[in-house]
Amino acid sequence: MKTPDTKRALPIAAAVLTLGLTTACATTGGSAALDGEARLAEMVQGKTAGEPQSCIPALLDNRLTVIDETAVVYDAGNTIYVARPENPRSLDEQDILVIERSGGQLCKQDIVRTVDRNFGFTTGAVFLGDFVPYR
């Protein structure tokens, strides 16, 4: 037989457990984005942002870096270009970017697909924003 105290304790315990799980999920869900923002801040530290550009000269694909759930960065030597996509959660450092472009420029209108590095299947699409130069 349950006592009145036990009847009250069970709903309270369930509410506390639910709140704890919700908080834990919310905290871990944004950690990749927070880590990405910290990594990006480190990359542009000491540099000044310039005027956003819709296209940049980008001849070498090996200078393109994906920052998890944050941005795509092109290192042009003295200048680092940062493009933030419309949906940054679609960026995963474990994916490869496949860019359909014409010429030697990288533009925000270019079609960018993400491909799983291990299995080669398409995981999504990325719509880049303007490229902000940091010098």
C-alpha atoms as a PDB file:
ATOM      1  CA  MET A   1       0.000   0.000   0.000  1.00  0.00           C
ATOM      2  CA  LYS A   2       1.338   3.433  -0.979  1.00  0.00           C
ATOM      3  CA  THR A   3       1.455   6.220   1.498  1.00  0.00           C
ATOM      4  CA  PRO A   4       0.318   9.754   0.573  1.00  0.00           C
ATOM      5  CA  ASP A   5       3.972  10.917   0.570  1.00  0.00           C
ATOM      6  CA  THR A   6       4.914   8.293  -2.041  1.00  0.00           C
ATOM      7  CA  LYS A   7       2.031   9.339  -4.297  1.00  0.00           C
ATOM      8  CA  ARG A   8       3.271  12.929  -4.301  1.00  0.00           C
ATOM      9  CA  ALA A   9       6.947  11.996  -4.666  1.00  0.00           C
ATOM     10  CA  LEU A  10       6.556   9.999  -7.897  1.00  0.00           C
ATOM     11  CA  PRO A  11       5.177  12.834 -10.069  1.00  0.00           C
ATOM     12  CA  ILE A  12       7.790  15.219  -8.666  1.00  0.00           C
ATOM     13  CA  ALA A  13      10.594  12.735  -9.390  1.00  0.00           C
ATOM     14  CA  ALA A  14       9.295  12.229 -12.930  1.00  0.00           C
ATOM     15  CA  ALA A  15       9.181  15.993 -13.526  1.00  0.00           C
ATOM     16  CA  VAL A  16      12.735  16.454 -12.226  1.00  0.00           C
ATOM     17  CA  LEU A  17      13.999  13.594 -14.400  1.00  0.00           C
ATOM     18  CA  THR A  18      12.279  15.016 -17.485  1.00  0.00           C
ATOM     19  CA  LEU A  19      13.701  18.472 -16.825  1.00  0.00           C
ATOM     20  CA  GLY A  20      17.181  17.018 -16.361  1.00  0.00           C
ATOM     21  CA  LEU A  21      17.022  15.075 -19.635  1.00  0.00           C
ATOM     22  CA  THR A  22      15.718  18.098 -21.521  1.00  0.00           C
ATOM     23  CA  THR A  23      18.521  20.275 -20.159  1.00  0.00           C
ATOM     24  CA  ALA A  24      21.145  17.640 -20.984  1.00  0.00           C
ATOM     25  CA  CYS A  25      19.896  17.327 -24.571  1.00  0.00           C
ATOM     26  CA  ALA A  26      19.830  21.088 -25.055  1.00  0.00           C
ATOM     27  CA  THR A  27      23.342  21.445 -23.663  1.00  0.00           C
ATOM     28  CA  THR A  28      24.939  18.720 -25.771  1.00  0.00           C
ATOM     29  CA  GLY A  29      23.019  19.664 -28.916  1.00  0.00           C
ATOM     30  CA  GLY A  30      24.826  22.970 -29.342  1.00  0.00           C
ATOM     31  CA  SER A  31      28.323  21.894 -28.353  1.00  0.00           C
ATOM     32  CA  ALA A  32      29.559  21.369 -31.937  1.00  0.00           C
ATOM     33  CA  ALA A  33      28.384  24.855 -32.882  1.00  0.00           C
ATOM     34  CA  LEU A  34      30.035  26.370 -29.801  1.00  0.00           C
ATOM     35  CA  ASP A  35      33.274  24.509 -30.569  1.00  0.00           C
ATOM     36  CA  GLY A  36      33.032  25.705 -34.172  1.00  0.00           C
ATOM     37  CA  GLU A  37      32.561  29.322 -33.126  1.00  0.00           C
ATOM     38  CA  ALA A  38      35.604  29.055 -30.844  1.00  0.00           C
ATOM     39  CA  ARG A  39      37.695  27.534 -33.646  1.00  0.00           C
ATOM     40  CA  LEU A  40      36.582  30.241 -36.084  1.00  0.00           C
ATOM     41  CA  ALA A  41      37.365  32.987 -33.555  1.00  0.00           C
ATOM     42  CA  GLU A  42      40.850  31.552 -33.198  1.00  0.00           C
ATOM     43  CA  MET A  43      41.355  31.509 -36.991  1.00  0.00           C
ATOM     44  CA  VAL A  44      40.403  35.176 -37.430  1.00  0.00           C
ATOM     45  CA  GLN A  45      42.013  36.439 -34.223  1.00  0.00           C
ATOM     46  CA  GLY A  46      43.925  39.662 -34.864  1.00  0.00           C
ATOM     47  CA  LYS A  47      42.344  40.150 -38.294  1.00  0.00           C
ATOM     48  CA  THR A  48      39.795  42.755 -39.344  1.00  0.00           C
ATOM     49  CA  ALA A  49      36.625  41.883 -41.258  1.00  0.00           C
ATOM     50  CA  GLY A  50      36.159  43.517 -44.649  1.00  0.00           C
ATOM     51  CA  GLU A  51      33.172  44.011 -46.940  1.00  0.00           C
ATOM     52  CA  PRO A  52      31.287  40.791 -47.779  1.00  0.00           C
ATOM     53  CA  GLN A  53      31.760  39.472 -51.323  1.00  0.00           C
ATOM     54  CA  SER A  54      29.545  37.124 -53.305  1.00  0.00           C
ATOM     55  CA  CYS A  55      32.535  35.552 -55.136  1.00  0.00           C
ATOM     56  CA  ILE A  56      36.212  35.073 -54.296  1.00  0.00           C
ATOM     57  CA  PRO A  57      39.196  33.842 -56.309  1.00  0.00           C
ATOM     58  CA  ALA A  58      39.645  30.256 -55.134  1.00  0.00           C
ATOM     59  CA  LEU A  59      41.880  28.175 -57.335  1.00  0.00           C
ATOM     60  CA  LEU A  60      43.010  25.592 -54.768  1.00  0.00           C
ATOM     61  CA  ASP A  61      40.361  23.389 -53.166  1.00  0.00           C
ATOM     62  CA  ASN A  62      42.820  22.130 -50.536  1.00  0.00           C
ATOM     63  CA  ARG A  63      42.667  25.553 -48.854  1.00  0.00           C
ATOM     64  CA  LEU A  64      38.981  25.091 -48.019  1.00  0.00           C
ATOM     65  CA  THR A  65      38.153  24.150 -44.425  1.00  0.00           C
ATOM     66  CA  VAL A  66      34.797  23.081 -43.017  1.00  0.00           C
ATOM     67  CA  ILE A  67      34.140  24.152 -39.449  1.00  0.00           C
ATOM     68  CA  ASP A  68      31.559  21.918 -37.817  1.00  0.00           C
ATOM     69  CA  GLU A  69      28.085  23.521 -37.741  1.00  0.00           C
ATOM     70  CA  THR A  70      29.584  26.983 -38.276  1.00  0.00           C
ATOM     71  CA  ALA A  71      31.215  28.046 -41.540  1.00  0.00           C
ATOM     72  CA  VAL A  72      33.320  27.287 -44.592  1.00  0.00           C
ATOM     73  CA  VAL A  73      36.713  29.010 -44.571  1.00  0.00           C
ATOM     74  CA  TYR A  74      39.014  29.612 -47.548  1.00  0.00           C
ATOM     75  CA  ASP A  75      42.621  30.422 -46.692  1.00  0.00           C
ATOM     76  CA  ALA A  76      44.091  32.659 -49.400  1.00  0.00           C
ATOM     77  CA  GLY A  77      47.340  33.372 -47.553  1.00  0.00           C
ATOM     78  CA  ASN A  78      47.136  36.862 -46.058  1.00  0.00           C
ATOM     79  CA  THR A  79      43.337  36.828 -46.294  1.00  0.00           C
ATOM     80  CA  ILE A  80      40.900  34.329 -44.814  1.00  0.00           C
ATOM     81  CA  TYR A  81      37.413  34.254 -46.330  1.00  0.00           C
ATOM     82  CA  VAL A  82      34.533  33.074 -44.131  1.00  0.00           C
ATOM     83  CA  ALA A  83      31.189  31.994 -45.576  1.00  0.00           C
ATOM     84  CA  ARG A  84      28.380  31.125 -43.194  1.00  0.00           C
ATOM     85  CA  PRO A  85      25.685  28.935 -44.719  1.00  0.00           C
ATOM     86  CA  GLU A  86      21.949  29.457 -44.260  1.00  0.00           C
ATOM     87  CA  ASN A  87      21.787  26.249 -42.217  1.00  0.00           C
ATOM     88  CA  PRO A  88      25.133  25.807 -40.431  1.00  0.00           C
ATOM     89  CA  ARG A  89      23.983  22.552 -38.801  1.00  0.00           C
ATOM     90  CA  SER A  90      24.360  20.948 -42.239  1.00  0.00           C
ATOM     91  CA  LEU A  91      28.147  21.366 -42.018  1.00  0.00           C
ATOM     92  CA  ASP A  92      30.042  18.394 -40.675  1.00  0.00           C
ATOM     93  CA  GLU A  93      33.853  18.197 -40.656  1.00  0.00           C
ATOM     94  CA  GLN A  94      33.559  14.498 -41.489  1.00  0.00           C
ATOM     95  CA  ASP A  95      31.834  15.283 -44.800  1.00  0.00           C
ATOM     96  CA  ILE A  96      33.546  16.270 -48.026  1.00  0.00           C
ATOM     97  CA  LEU A  97      32.277  19.331 -49.907  1.00  0.00           C
ATOM     98  CA  VAL A  98      31.547  18.769 -53.585  1.00  0.00           C
ATOM     99  CA  ILE A  99      31.287  22.134 -55.307  1.00  0.00           C
ATOM    100  CA  GLU A 100      29.835  22.590 -58.779  1.00  0.00           C
ATOM    101  CA  ARG A 101      31.360  25.803 -60.050  1.00  0.00           C
ATOM    102  CA  SER A 102      32.562  27.344 -63.244  1.00  0.00           C
ATOM    103  CA  GLY A 103      35.905  29.065 -63.537  1.00  0.00           C
ATOM    104  CA  GLY A 104      38.400  29.848 -60.812  1.00  0.00           C
ATOM    105  CA  GLN A 105      36.017  31.618 -58.483  1.00  0.00           C
ATOM    106  CA  LEU A 106      34.014  30.300 -55.559  1.00  0.00           C
ATOM    107  CA  CYS A 107      30.618  31.971 -55.358  1.00  0.00           C
ATOM    108  CA  LYS A 108      27.753  31.839 -52.927  1.00  0.00           C
ATOM    109  CA  GLN A 109      25.496  30.727 -55.807  1.00  0.00           C
ATOM    110  CA  ASP A 110      27.621  27.612 -56.454  1.00  0.00           C
ATOM    111  CA  ILE A 111      25.957  24.296 -55.741  1.00  0.00           C
ATOM    112  CA  VAL A 112      27.613  22.688 -52.728  1.00  0.00           C
ATOM    113  CA  ARG A 113      26.780  19.124 -51.709  1.00  0.00           C
ATOM    114  CA  THR A 114      28.093  17.287 -48.678  1.00  0.00           C
ATOM    115  CA  VAL A 115      29.289  13.716 -49.153  1.00  0.00           C
ATOM    116  CA  ASP A 116      30.038  11.162 -46.465  1.00  0.00           C
ATOM    117  CA  ARG A 117      33.823  10.722 -46.304  1.00  0.00           C
ATOM    118  CA  ASN A 118      33.654   6.989 -45.579  1.00  0.00           C
ATOM    119  CA  PHE A 119      30.798   5.716 -47.725  1.00  0.00           C
ATOM    120  CA  GLY A 120      30.549   8.308 -50.515  1.00  0.00           C
ATOM    121  CA  PHE A 121      26.818   8.993 -50.337  1.00  0.00           C
ATOM    122  CA  THR A 122      25.330  12.491 -50.425  1.00  0.00           C
ATOM    123  CA  THR A 123      24.393  13.699 -46.954  1.00  0.00           C
ATOM    124  CA  GLY A 124      22.962  17.097 -47.825  1.00  0.00           C
ATOM    125  CA  ALA A 125      23.368  20.451 -49.506  1.00  0.00           C
ATOM    126  CA  VAL A 126      24.866  23.693 -48.287  1.00  0.00           C
ATOM    127  CA  PHE A 127      23.804  27.166 -49.380  1.00  0.00           C
ATOM    128  CA  LEU A 128      26.708  29.481 -48.678  1.00  0.00           C
ATOM    129  CA  GLY A 129      26.355  33.096 -47.675  1.00  0.00           C
ATOM    130  CA  ASP A 130      28.634  35.938 -48.701  1.00  0.00           C
ATOM    131  CA  PHE A 131      32.363  35.533 -48.125  1.00  0.00           C
ATOM    132  CA  VAL A 132      33.682  37.911 -45.479  1.00  0.00           C
ATOM    133  CA  PRO A 133      37.388  38.633 -45.900  1.00  0.00           C
ATOM    134  CA  TYR A 134      39.540  38.857 -42.769  1.00  0.00           C
ATOM    135  CA  ARG A 135      42.913  40.589 -43.214  1.00  0.00           C
END
